Amino acid sequence: MQPKVQVLKAKPIPNYSSPDIQWIERLARWMDSRFLIPGTNIRFGIDPLLSLFPVFGDLITYLISAALIYTMHNQGASRNVVIKMILNSTLDAIIGAIPVIGTVFDIFYRANDRNVKLLREHYFEGKHQGSGNGLLAFVAVMAMIVVVAACYGVYKLFELIFNFYPNTGGTDITICGL
């Protein structure tokens, strides 16, 4: 009986020890898991430290993640894996922008480390193949649902605010009870 040989569908990285791949792994580690909290097994990187600076820090970390994704794309990552990487980094940026909660999220989520893992799985295990069109459609539908829910919530909020003081005395508009 012959052993099963795994056939990779992804285009192999021409040289896995290339400077670009080494740069990706090194920068991802610095961003997400370079340091260890003493007395624990919890690792963190520069990402949660930069998130302590509102807006600016999160923007910088998102741009660094974008540079990593761009480099991975140039190394031949499939469209599907690139979309997953963008979703990881975007989720990290959105939740990371929330004060305190975002910093804790950055420590545990580690989007850049996840993206490097996706890249390895793509090349060495043959996962995450394809165009990613189904994933894009799912994200588009979910985004539309979130936008509709947000619009409805704003509508109900305005309805609550502007109908809180009922009209009295036959006038159509009440301004501050006058």
N, C-alpha and C. Protein backbone atom coordinates (compact mmCIF):
# COMPACT_ATOMS: atom_id res chain seq x y z
N MET A 1 0.84 -1.18 0.00
CA MET A 1 0.00 0.00 0.00
C MET A 1 0.89 1.24 0.00
N GLN A 2 0.60 2.16 -0.90
CA GLN A 2 1.41 3.37 -1.01
C GLN A 2 0.92 4.43 -0.03
N PRO A 3 1.86 5.19 0.58
CA PRO A 3 1.43 6.26 1.47
C PRO A 3 0.77 7.39 0.67
N LYS A 4 -0.18 8.03 1.31
CA LYS A 4 -0.87 9.13 0.65
C LYS A 4 0.07 10.34 0.59
N VAL A 5 0.11 10.93 -0.56
CA VAL A 5 0.93 12.13 -0.76
C VAL A 5 -0.03 13.30 -0.91
N GLN A 6 0.20 14.32 -0.11
CA GLN A 6 -0.67 15.48 -0.17
C GLN A 6 -0.23 16.37 -1.32
N VAL A 7 -1.16 16.68 -2.20
CA VAL A 7 -0.88 17.53 -3.34
C VAL A 7 -1.37 18.93 -3.00
N LEU A 8 -0.44 19.86 -3.05
CA LEU A 8 -0.80 21.25 -2.76
C LEU A 8 -1.36 21.89 -4.01
N LYS A 9 -2.44 22.62 -3.83
CA LYS A 9 -3.04 23.32 -4.95
C LYS A 9 -2.46 24.72 -5.10
N ALA A 10 -1.91 25.24 -4.03
CA ALA A 10 -1.37 26.59 -4.06
C ALA A 10 -0.03 26.60 -4.78
N LYS A 11 0.24 27.72 -5.42
CA LYS A 11 1.54 27.90 -6.03
C LYS A 11 2.57 28.00 -4.91
N PRO A 12 3.57 27.12 -4.89
CA PRO A 12 4.51 27.14 -3.77
C PRO A 12 5.32 28.43 -3.75
N ILE A 13 5.72 28.82 -2.56
CA ILE A 13 6.57 29.98 -2.42
C ILE A 13 7.91 29.61 -3.05
N PRO A 14 8.41 30.42 -3.97
CA PRO A 14 9.65 30.07 -4.64
C PRO A 14 10.79 29.81 -3.65
N ASN A 15 10.89 30.62 -2.65
CA ASN A 15 11.96 30.47 -1.68
C ASN A 15 11.41 30.89 -0.32
N TYR A 16 11.01 29.89 0.50
CA TYR A 16 10.36 30.22 1.77
C TYR A 16 11.30 30.99 2.70
N SER A 17 12.59 30.91 2.46
CA SER A 17 13.51 31.66 3.30
C SER A 17 13.84 33.02 2.66
N SER A 18 12.99 33.47 1.73
CA SER A 18 13.24 34.75 1.09
C SER A 18 13.13 35.88 2.11
N PRO A 19 13.81 36.99 1.86
CA PRO A 19 13.75 38.12 2.79
C PRO A 19 12.33 38.63 3.04
N ASP A 20 11.46 38.57 2.02
CA ASP A 20 10.08 39.05 2.20
C ASP A 20 9.34 38.20 3.21
N ILE A 21 9.45 36.87 3.11
CA ILE A 21 8.75 35.98 4.03
C ILE A 21 9.33 36.13 5.44
N GLN A 22 10.65 36.21 5.53
CA GLN A 22 11.27 36.40 6.85
C GLN A 22 10.83 37.72 7.46
N TRP A 23 10.71 38.76 6.64
CA TRP A 23 10.26 40.07 7.11
C TRP A 23 8.82 39.99 7.63
N ILE A 24 7.97 39.28 6.90
CA ILE A 24 6.58 39.12 7.30
C ILE A 24 6.50 38.45 8.68
N GLU A 25 7.18 37.33 8.83
CA GLU A 25 7.13 36.60 10.10
C GLU A 25 7.72 37.40 11.25
N ARG A 26 8.82 38.08 11.01
CA ARG A 26 9.47 38.87 12.06
C ARG A 26 8.59 40.05 12.49
N LEU A 27 8.04 40.78 11.51
CA LEU A 27 7.19 41.93 11.85
C LEU A 27 5.89 41.49 12.53
N ALA A 28 5.30 40.38 12.06
CA ALA A 28 4.08 39.87 12.69
C ALA A 28 4.36 39.49 14.14
N ARG A 29 5.49 38.89 14.38
CA ARG A 29 5.84 38.52 15.76
C ARG A 29 6.03 39.76 16.62
N TRP A 30 6.72 40.77 16.10
CA TRP A 30 6.92 42.01 16.87
C TRP A 30 5.57 42.69 17.15
N MET A 31 4.66 42.63 16.21
CA MET A 31 3.37 43.30 16.38
C MET A 31 2.47 42.57 17.39
N ASP A 32 2.55 41.23 17.45
CA ASP A 32 1.54 40.49 18.20
C ASP A 32 2.06 39.62 19.34
N SER A 33 3.28 39.14 19.30
CA SER A 33 3.65 38.14 20.32
C SER A 33 5.13 38.18 20.71
N ARG A 34 5.75 39.31 20.64
CA ARG A 34 7.19 39.41 20.92
C ARG A 34 7.52 39.33 22.41
N PHE A 35 6.66 39.87 23.25
CA PHE A 35 6.95 39.98 24.68
C PHE A 35 6.06 39.05 25.49
N LEU A 36 6.52 38.72 26.69
CA LEU A 36 5.79 37.83 27.58
C LEU A 36 5.48 38.58 28.87
N ILE A 37 4.23 38.51 29.33
CA ILE A 37 3.87 39.10 30.62
C ILE A 37 4.46 38.19 31.68
N PRO A 38 5.33 38.73 32.55
CA PRO A 38 6.01 37.88 33.55
C PRO A 38 5.01 37.11 34.43
N GLY A 39 5.33 35.85 34.68
CA GLY A 39 4.50 35.01 35.53
C GLY A 39 3.30 34.41 34.82
N THR A 40 3.15 34.68 33.51
CA THR A 40 2.02 34.13 32.75
C THR A 40 2.55 33.56 31.44
N ASN A 41 1.67 32.97 30.69
CA ASN A 41 1.99 32.53 29.33
C ASN A 41 1.40 33.47 28.29
N ILE A 42 1.01 34.66 28.71
CA ILE A 42 0.35 35.62 27.82
C ILE A 42 1.42 36.43 27.09
N ARG A 43 1.35 36.37 25.77
CA ARG A 43 2.30 37.10 24.94
C ARG A 43 1.59 38.32 24.36
N PHE A 44 2.35 39.35 24.08
CA PHE A 44 1.82 40.55 23.45
C PHE A 44 2.91 41.18 22.62
N GLY A 45 2.53 42.14 21.80
CA GLY A 45 3.49 42.82 20.95
C GLY A 45 3.27 44.32 20.98
N ILE A 46 3.71 44.96 19.94
CA ILE A 46 3.61 46.42 19.86
C ILE A 46 2.17 46.86 19.59
N ASP A 47 1.38 46.03 18.93
CA ASP A 47 -0.01 46.37 18.58
C ASP A 47 -0.82 46.86 19.78
N PRO A 48 -0.92 46.12 20.89
CA PRO A 48 -1.70 46.64 22.01
C PRO A 48 -1.09 47.88 22.65
N LEU A 49 0.22 48.03 22.56
CA LEU A 49 0.85 49.24 23.11
C LEU A 49 0.49 50.46 22.27
N LEU A 50 0.50 50.30 20.95
CA LEU A 50 0.12 51.41 20.08
C LEU A 50 -1.36 51.74 20.21
N SER A 51 -2.19 50.75 20.54
CA SER A 51 -3.63 51.01 20.66
C SER A 51 -3.95 51.89 21.88
N LEU A 52 -2.97 52.11 22.73
CA LEU A 52 -3.17 53.03 23.86
C LEU A 52 -3.26 54.48 23.39
N PHE A 53 -2.80 54.75 22.16
CA PHE A 53 -2.91 56.09 21.58
C PHE A 53 -4.15 56.09 20.68
N PRO A 54 -5.24 56.74 21.12
CA PRO A 54 -6.50 56.69 20.37
C PRO A 54 -6.32 57.14 18.91
N VAL A 55 -7.00 56.50 18.04
CA VAL A 55 -7.08 56.72 16.60
C VAL A 55 -5.71 56.56 15.93
N PHE A 56 -4.73 57.36 16.31
CA PHE A 56 -3.42 57.34 15.66
C PHE A 56 -2.76 55.97 15.78
N GLY A 57 -2.73 55.40 16.97
CA GLY A 57 -2.10 54.11 17.19
C GLY A 57 -2.78 53.00 16.42
N ASP A 58 -4.11 53.01 16.40
CA ASP A 58 -4.86 51.99 15.67
C ASP A 58 -4.67 52.13 14.16
N LEU A 59 -4.58 53.36 13.70
CA LEU A 59 -4.34 53.59 12.27
C LEU A 59 -2.96 53.08 11.87
N ILE A 60 -1.95 53.32 12.69
CA ILE A 60 -0.60 52.85 12.41
C ILE A 60 -0.58 51.31 12.35
N THR A 61 -1.20 50.65 13.32
CA THR A 61 -1.19 49.18 13.33
C THR A 61 -1.96 48.62 12.13
N TYR A 62 -3.02 49.29 11.72
CA TYR A 62 -3.78 48.84 10.55
C TYR A 62 -2.94 48.98 9.27
N LEU A 63 -2.19 50.07 9.18
CA LEU A 63 -1.32 50.27 8.02
C LEU A 63 -0.19 49.24 7.98
N ILE A 64 0.35 48.90 9.13
CA ILE A 64 1.39 47.87 9.18
C ILE A 64 0.81 46.52 8.75
N SER A 65 -0.39 46.21 9.23
CA SER A 65 -1.06 44.97 8.82
C SER A 65 -1.31 44.96 7.32
N ALA A 66 -1.70 46.12 6.78
CA ALA A 66 -1.93 46.22 5.33
C ALA A 66 -0.64 45.97 4.56
N ALA A 67 0.48 46.47 5.06
CA ALA A 67 1.76 46.23 4.39
C ALA A 67 2.12 44.74 4.41
N LEU A 68 1.84 44.09 5.54
CA LEU A 68 2.09 42.65 5.63
C LEU A 68 1.22 41.88 4.63
N ILE A 69 -0.05 42.24 4.55
CA ILE A 69 -0.97 41.56 3.64
C ILE A 69 -0.55 41.80 2.18
N TYR A 70 -0.15 43.02 1.88
CA TYR A 70 0.31 43.34 0.52
C TYR A 70 1.51 42.48 0.15
N THR A 71 2.44 42.33 1.08
CA THR A 71 3.63 41.51 0.82
C THR A 71 3.23 40.05 0.63
N MET A 72 2.31 39.55 1.46
CA MET A 72 1.85 38.17 1.33
C MET A 72 1.17 37.96 -0.02
N HIS A 73 0.40 38.95 -0.44
CA HIS A 73 -0.26 38.87 -1.74
C HIS A 73 0.78 38.81 -2.86
N ASN A 74 1.82 39.62 -2.74
CA ASN A 74 2.88 39.61 -3.75
C ASN A 74 3.67 38.30 -3.76
N GLN A 75 3.63 37.56 -2.65
CA GLN A 75 4.29 36.26 -2.58
C GLN A 75 3.41 35.15 -3.15
N GLY A 76 2.23 35.50 -3.65
CA GLY A 76 1.39 34.53 -4.33
C GLY A 76 0.23 33.97 -3.54
N ALA A 77 -0.13 34.60 -2.42
CA ALA A 77 -1.28 34.12 -1.65
C ALA A 77 -2.54 34.25 -2.49
N SER A 78 -3.45 33.29 -2.37
CA SER A 78 -4.68 33.31 -3.15
C SER A 78 -5.59 34.46 -2.70
N ARG A 79 -6.52 34.79 -3.56
CA ARG A 79 -7.46 35.87 -3.24
C ARG A 79 -8.27 35.53 -1.99
N ASN A 80 -8.63 34.27 -1.84
CA ASN A 80 -9.41 33.82 -0.68
C ASN A 80 -8.65 34.06 0.61
N VAL A 81 -7.37 33.70 0.64
CA VAL A 81 -6.58 33.88 1.86
C VAL A 81 -6.34 35.37 2.12
N VAL A 82 -6.18 36.16 1.07
CA VAL A 82 -5.98 37.60 1.24
C VAL A 82 -7.24 38.24 1.82
N ILE A 83 -8.40 37.82 1.38
CA ILE A 83 -9.66 38.35 1.92
C ILE A 83 -9.78 38.00 3.40
N LYS A 84 -9.44 36.77 3.76
CA LYS A 84 -9.48 36.37 5.17
C LYS A 84 -8.51 37.21 6.01
N MET A 85 -7.35 37.50 5.45
CA MET A 85 -6.37 38.32 6.15
C MET A 85 -6.89 39.74 6.36
N ILE A 86 -7.50 40.28 5.33
CA ILE A 86 -8.06 41.64 5.44
C ILE A 86 -9.16 41.67 6.50
N LEU A 87 -10.01 40.64 6.53
CA LEU A 87 -11.06 40.57 7.54
C LEU A 87 -10.46 40.49 8.94
N ASN A 88 -9.41 39.67 9.12
CA ASN A 88 -8.74 39.60 10.43
C ASN A 88 -8.22 40.96 10.86
N SER A 89 -7.53 41.64 9.98
CA SER A 89 -6.93 42.93 10.32
C SER A 89 -7.99 44.01 10.55
N THR A 90 -9.06 43.96 9.76
CA THR A 90 -10.13 44.94 9.93
C THR A 90 -10.85 44.74 11.25
N LEU A 91 -11.14 43.51 11.60
CA LEU A 91 -11.76 43.22 12.89
C LEU A 91 -10.86 43.69 14.03
N ASP A 92 -9.58 43.42 13.91
CA ASP A 92 -8.61 43.86 14.92
C ASP A 92 -8.60 45.38 15.04
N ALA A 93 -8.67 46.08 13.91
CA ALA A 93 -8.66 47.55 13.93
C ALA A 93 -9.95 48.12 14.51
N ILE A 94 -11.08 47.54 14.15
CA ILE A 94 -12.36 48.08 14.63
C ILE A 94 -12.52 47.86 16.13
N ILE A 95 -12.33 46.65 16.57
CA ILE A 95 -12.48 46.38 18.01
C ILE A 95 -11.32 46.98 18.79
N GLY A 96 -10.14 46.99 18.18
CA GLY A 96 -8.98 47.58 18.83
C GLY A 96 -9.12 49.07 19.08
N ALA A 97 -10.00 49.74 18.35
CA ALA A 97 -10.21 51.18 18.52
C ALA A 97 -11.04 51.51 19.77
N ILE A 98 -11.67 50.52 20.37
CA ILE A 98 -12.46 50.76 21.57
C ILE A 98 -11.50 50.87 22.76
N PRO A 99 -11.57 51.98 23.50
CA PRO A 99 -10.64 52.15 24.62
C PRO A 99 -10.73 50.99 25.62
N VAL A 100 -9.62 50.58 26.16
CA VAL A 100 -9.40 49.52 27.14
C VAL A 100 -9.80 48.15 26.59
N ILE A 101 -11.05 47.98 26.20
CA ILE A 101 -11.51 46.70 25.66
C ILE A 101 -10.69 46.34 24.42
N GLY A 102 -10.42 47.33 23.59
CA GLY A 102 -9.65 47.11 22.37
C GLY A 102 -8.22 46.67 22.65
N THR A 103 -7.62 47.24 23.68
CA THR A 103 -6.26 46.86 24.04
C THR A 103 -6.21 45.41 24.50
N VAL A 104 -7.17 45.02 25.33
CA VAL A 104 -7.23 43.63 25.78
C VAL A 104 -7.50 42.71 24.59
N PHE A 105 -8.38 43.12 23.70
CA PHE A 105 -8.67 42.33 22.50
C PHE A 105 -7.40 42.16 21.66
N ASP A 106 -6.62 43.23 21.49
CA ASP A 106 -5.38 43.16 20.72
C ASP A 106 -4.40 42.15 21.31
N ILE A 107 -4.35 42.05 22.62
CA ILE A 107 -3.43 41.11 23.26
C ILE A 107 -3.80 39.67 22.92
N PHE A 108 -5.09 39.38 22.88
CA PHE A 108 -5.52 37.99 22.69
C PHE A 108 -5.86 37.61 21.25
N TYR A 109 -6.24 38.55 20.41
CA TYR A 109 -6.66 38.21 19.05
C TYR A 109 -5.48 37.99 18.10
N ARG A 110 -4.50 38.84 18.12
CA ARG A 110 -3.25 38.72 17.34
C ARG A 110 -3.50 38.48 15.85
N ALA A 111 -4.05 39.47 15.20
CA ALA A 111 -4.42 39.36 13.79
C ALA A 111 -3.23 39.04 12.89
N ASN A 112 -2.08 39.65 13.12
CA ASN A 112 -0.93 39.41 12.25
C ASN A 112 -0.41 37.98 12.39
N ASP A 113 -0.38 37.46 13.61
CA ASP A 113 0.00 36.06 13.79
C ASP A 113 -0.99 35.13 13.10
N ARG A 114 -2.27 35.47 13.17
CA ARG A 114 -3.30 34.68 12.48
C ARG A 114 -3.07 34.70 10.97
N ASN A 115 -2.69 35.86 10.45
CA ASN A 115 -2.47 35.99 9.02
C ASN A 115 -1.26 35.18 8.55
N VAL A 116 -0.20 35.15 9.35
CA VAL A 116 0.95 34.32 9.02
C VAL A 116 0.55 32.85 9.05
N LYS A 117 -0.27 32.48 10.02
CA LYS A 117 -0.76 31.09 10.09
C LYS A 117 -1.58 30.74 8.85
N LEU A 118 -2.43 31.68 8.41
CA LEU A 118 -3.20 31.46 7.18
C LEU A 118 -2.27 31.26 5.98
N LEU A 119 -1.21 32.05 5.92
CA LEU A 119 -0.26 31.93 4.82
C LEU A 119 0.41 30.56 4.84
N ARG A 120 0.83 30.11 6.01
CA ARG A 120 1.46 28.78 6.12
C ARG A 120 0.49 27.67 5.72
N GLU A 121 -0.76 27.76 6.23
CA GLU A 121 -1.77 26.76 5.88
C GLU A 121 -2.02 26.75 4.38
N HIS A 122 -2.02 27.91 3.79
CA HIS A 122 -2.26 28.03 2.35
C HIS A 122 -1.18 27.32 1.55
N TYR A 123 0.05 27.55 1.90
CA TYR A 123 1.16 26.99 1.12
C TYR A 123 1.50 25.56 1.48
N PHE A 124 1.45 25.21 2.75
CA PHE A 124 1.97 23.90 3.15
C PHE A 124 0.89 22.86 3.39
N GLU A 125 -0.37 23.30 3.55
CA GLU A 125 -1.45 22.35 3.76
C GLU A 125 -2.49 22.41 2.65
N GLY A 126 -2.36 23.35 1.74
CA GLY A 126 -3.29 23.47 0.63
C GLY A 126 -4.65 24.01 1.00
N LYS A 127 -4.75 24.71 2.13
CA LYS A 127 -6.05 25.26 2.57
C LYS A 127 -6.26 26.65 1.98
N HIS A 128 -7.50 27.13 2.11
CA HIS A 128 -7.88 28.51 1.75
C HIS A 128 -7.65 28.79 0.26
N GLN A 129 -8.03 27.85 -0.57
CA GLN A 129 -7.89 28.02 -2.01
C GLN A 129 -9.11 28.73 -2.56
N GLY A 130 -9.01 29.23 -3.75
CA GLY A 130 -10.17 29.77 -4.45
C GLY A 130 -10.17 31.28 -4.53
N SER A 131 -11.26 31.76 -5.11
CA SER A 131 -11.35 33.19 -5.40
C SER A 131 -11.85 34.00 -4.22
N GLY A 132 -12.57 33.39 -3.30
CA GLY A 132 -13.10 34.12 -2.16
C GLY A 132 -14.39 34.86 -2.46
N ASN A 133 -15.01 34.60 -3.62
CA ASN A 133 -16.25 35.30 -3.98
C ASN A 133 -17.37 35.02 -3.00
N GLY A 134 -17.49 33.78 -2.53
CA GLY A 134 -18.53 33.45 -1.56
C GLY A 134 -18.33 34.20 -0.25
N LEU A 135 -17.09 34.28 0.18
CA LEU A 135 -16.77 35.02 1.40
C LEU A 135 -17.08 36.50 1.24
N LEU A 136 -16.73 37.07 0.08
CA LEU A 136 -17.05 38.48 -0.17
C LEU A 136 -18.56 38.72 -0.17
N ALA A 137 -19.32 37.82 -0.77
CA ALA A 137 -20.77 37.96 -0.79
C ALA A 137 -21.34 37.90 0.63
N PHE A 138 -20.83 36.97 1.44
CA PHE A 138 -21.27 36.87 2.83
C PHE A 138 -20.97 38.15 3.60
N VAL A 139 -19.77 38.68 3.43
CA VAL A 139 -19.38 39.92 4.13
C VAL A 139 -20.26 41.08 3.66
N ALA A 140 -20.56 41.15 2.36
CA ALA A 140 -21.40 42.22 1.84
C ALA A 140 -22.80 42.16 2.43
N VAL A 141 -23.37 40.96 2.49
CA VAL A 141 -24.71 40.80 3.07
C VAL A 141 -24.70 41.19 4.54
N MET A 142 -23.70 40.73 5.29
CA MET A 142 -23.62 41.07 6.71
C MET A 142 -23.44 42.57 6.91
N ALA A 143 -22.65 43.21 6.06
CA ALA A 143 -22.45 44.66 6.16
C ALA A 143 -23.76 45.39 5.89
N MET A 144 -24.53 44.92 4.92
CA MET A 144 -25.82 45.55 4.64
C MET A 144 -26.77 45.38 5.82
N ILE A 145 -26.78 44.22 6.44
CA ILE A 145 -27.63 44.00 7.61
C ILE A 145 -27.23 44.93 8.74
N VAL A 146 -25.94 45.09 8.97
CA VAL A 146 -25.45 45.99 10.03
C VAL A 146 -25.85 47.44 9.73
N VAL A 147 -25.71 47.87 8.48
CA VAL A 147 -26.07 49.24 8.11
C VAL A 147 -27.57 49.47 8.29
N VAL A 148 -28.39 48.52 7.85
CA VAL A 148 -29.84 48.66 8.01
C VAL A 148 -30.21 48.69 9.49
N ALA A 149 -29.60 47.82 10.29
CA ALA A 149 -29.88 47.82 11.73
C ALA A 149 -29.44 49.12 12.38
N ALA A 150 -28.30 49.66 11.97
CA ALA A 150 -27.83 50.93 12.53
C ALA A 150 -28.77 52.07 12.14
N CYS A 151 -29.22 52.10 10.89
CA CYS A 151 -30.17 53.14 10.46
C CYS A 151 -31.48 53.04 11.23
N TYR A 152 -31.97 51.83 11.41
CA TYR A 152 -33.19 51.64 12.18
C TYR A 152 -33.00 52.10 13.62
N GLY A 153 -31.86 51.77 14.21
CA GLY A 153 -31.57 52.19 15.58
C GLY A 153 -31.51 53.71 15.71
N VAL A 154 -30.88 54.38 14.74
CA VAL A 154 -30.83 55.85 14.75
C VAL A 154 -32.23 56.42 14.59
N TYR A 155 -33.03 55.83 13.70
CA TYR A 155 -34.42 56.28 13.51
C TYR A 155 -35.20 56.18 14.82
N LYS A 156 -35.09 55.02 15.50
CA LYS A 156 -35.81 54.84 16.77
C LYS A 156 -35.30 55.79 17.84
N LEU A 157 -34.01 56.06 17.85
CA LEU A 157 -33.44 57.00 18.81
C LEU A 157 -34.00 58.40 18.59
N PHE A 158 -34.03 58.84 17.33
CA PHE A 158 -34.61 60.15 17.03
C PHE A 158 -36.09 60.21 17.37
N GLU A 159 -36.79 59.13 17.08
CA GLU A 159 -38.21 59.06 17.41
C GLU A 159 -38.41 59.19 18.92
N LEU A 160 -37.58 58.53 19.68
CA LEU A 160 -37.65 58.61 21.13
C LEU A 160 -37.33 60.02 21.63
N ILE A 161 -36.31 60.63 21.08
CA ILE A 161 -35.90 61.97 21.52
C ILE A 161 -36.94 63.01 21.17
N PHE A 162 -37.42 63.00 19.93
CA PHE A 162 -38.31 64.06 19.48
C PHE A 162 -39.77 63.83 19.86
N ASN A 163 -40.14 62.67 20.32
CA ASN A 163 -41.50 62.42 20.78
C ASN A 163 -41.57 62.27 22.29
N PHE A 164 -40.50 62.57 22.98
CA PHE A 164 -40.47 62.43 24.43
C PHE A 164 -41.40 63.44 25.09
N TYR A 165 -41.41 64.67 24.60
CA TYR A 165 -42.30 65.69 25.13
C TYR A 165 -43.51 65.79 24.21
N PRO A 166 -44.67 65.29 24.65
CA PRO A 166 -45.84 65.34 23.76
C PRO A 166 -46.28 66.79 23.56
N ASN A 167 -46.83 67.04 22.38
CA ASN A 167 -47.33 68.39 22.07
C ASN A 167 -48.52 68.71 22.96
N THR A 168 -48.52 69.90 23.50
CA THR A 168 -49.65 70.36 24.32
C THR A 168 -50.08 71.73 23.84
N GLY A 169 -51.30 72.05 24.10
CA GLY A 169 -51.82 73.38 23.76
C GLY A 169 -52.10 73.58 22.29
N GLY A 170 -52.19 72.56 21.52
CA GLY A 170 -52.59 72.70 20.13
C GLY A 170 -51.46 73.10 19.19
N THR A 171 -50.24 73.29 19.66
CA THR A 171 -49.14 73.65 18.76
C THR A 171 -48.53 72.38 18.18
N ASP A 172 -47.98 72.52 17.00
CA ASP A 172 -47.39 71.36 16.34
C ASP A 172 -45.96 71.11 16.78
N ILE A 173 -45.26 72.15 17.20
CA ILE A 173 -43.85 71.99 17.56
C ILE A 173 -43.64 72.45 18.99
N THR A 174 -42.93 71.64 19.74
CA THR A 174 -42.58 72.01 21.11
C THR A 174 -41.06 72.08 21.19
N ILE A 175 -40.54 73.23 21.56
CA ILE A 175 -39.09 73.40 21.67
C ILE A 175 -38.77 73.67 23.13
N CYS A 176 -38.09 72.72 23.74
CA CYS A 176 -37.65 72.84 25.13
C CYS A 176 -38.82 73.21 26.05
N GLY A 177 -39.98 72.70 25.80
CA GLY A 177 -41.13 72.93 26.66
C GLY A 177 -41.75 74.31 26.49
N LEU A 178 -41.32 75.10 25.50
CA LEU A 178 -41.87 76.45 25.28
C LEU A 178 -43.03 76.44 24.34
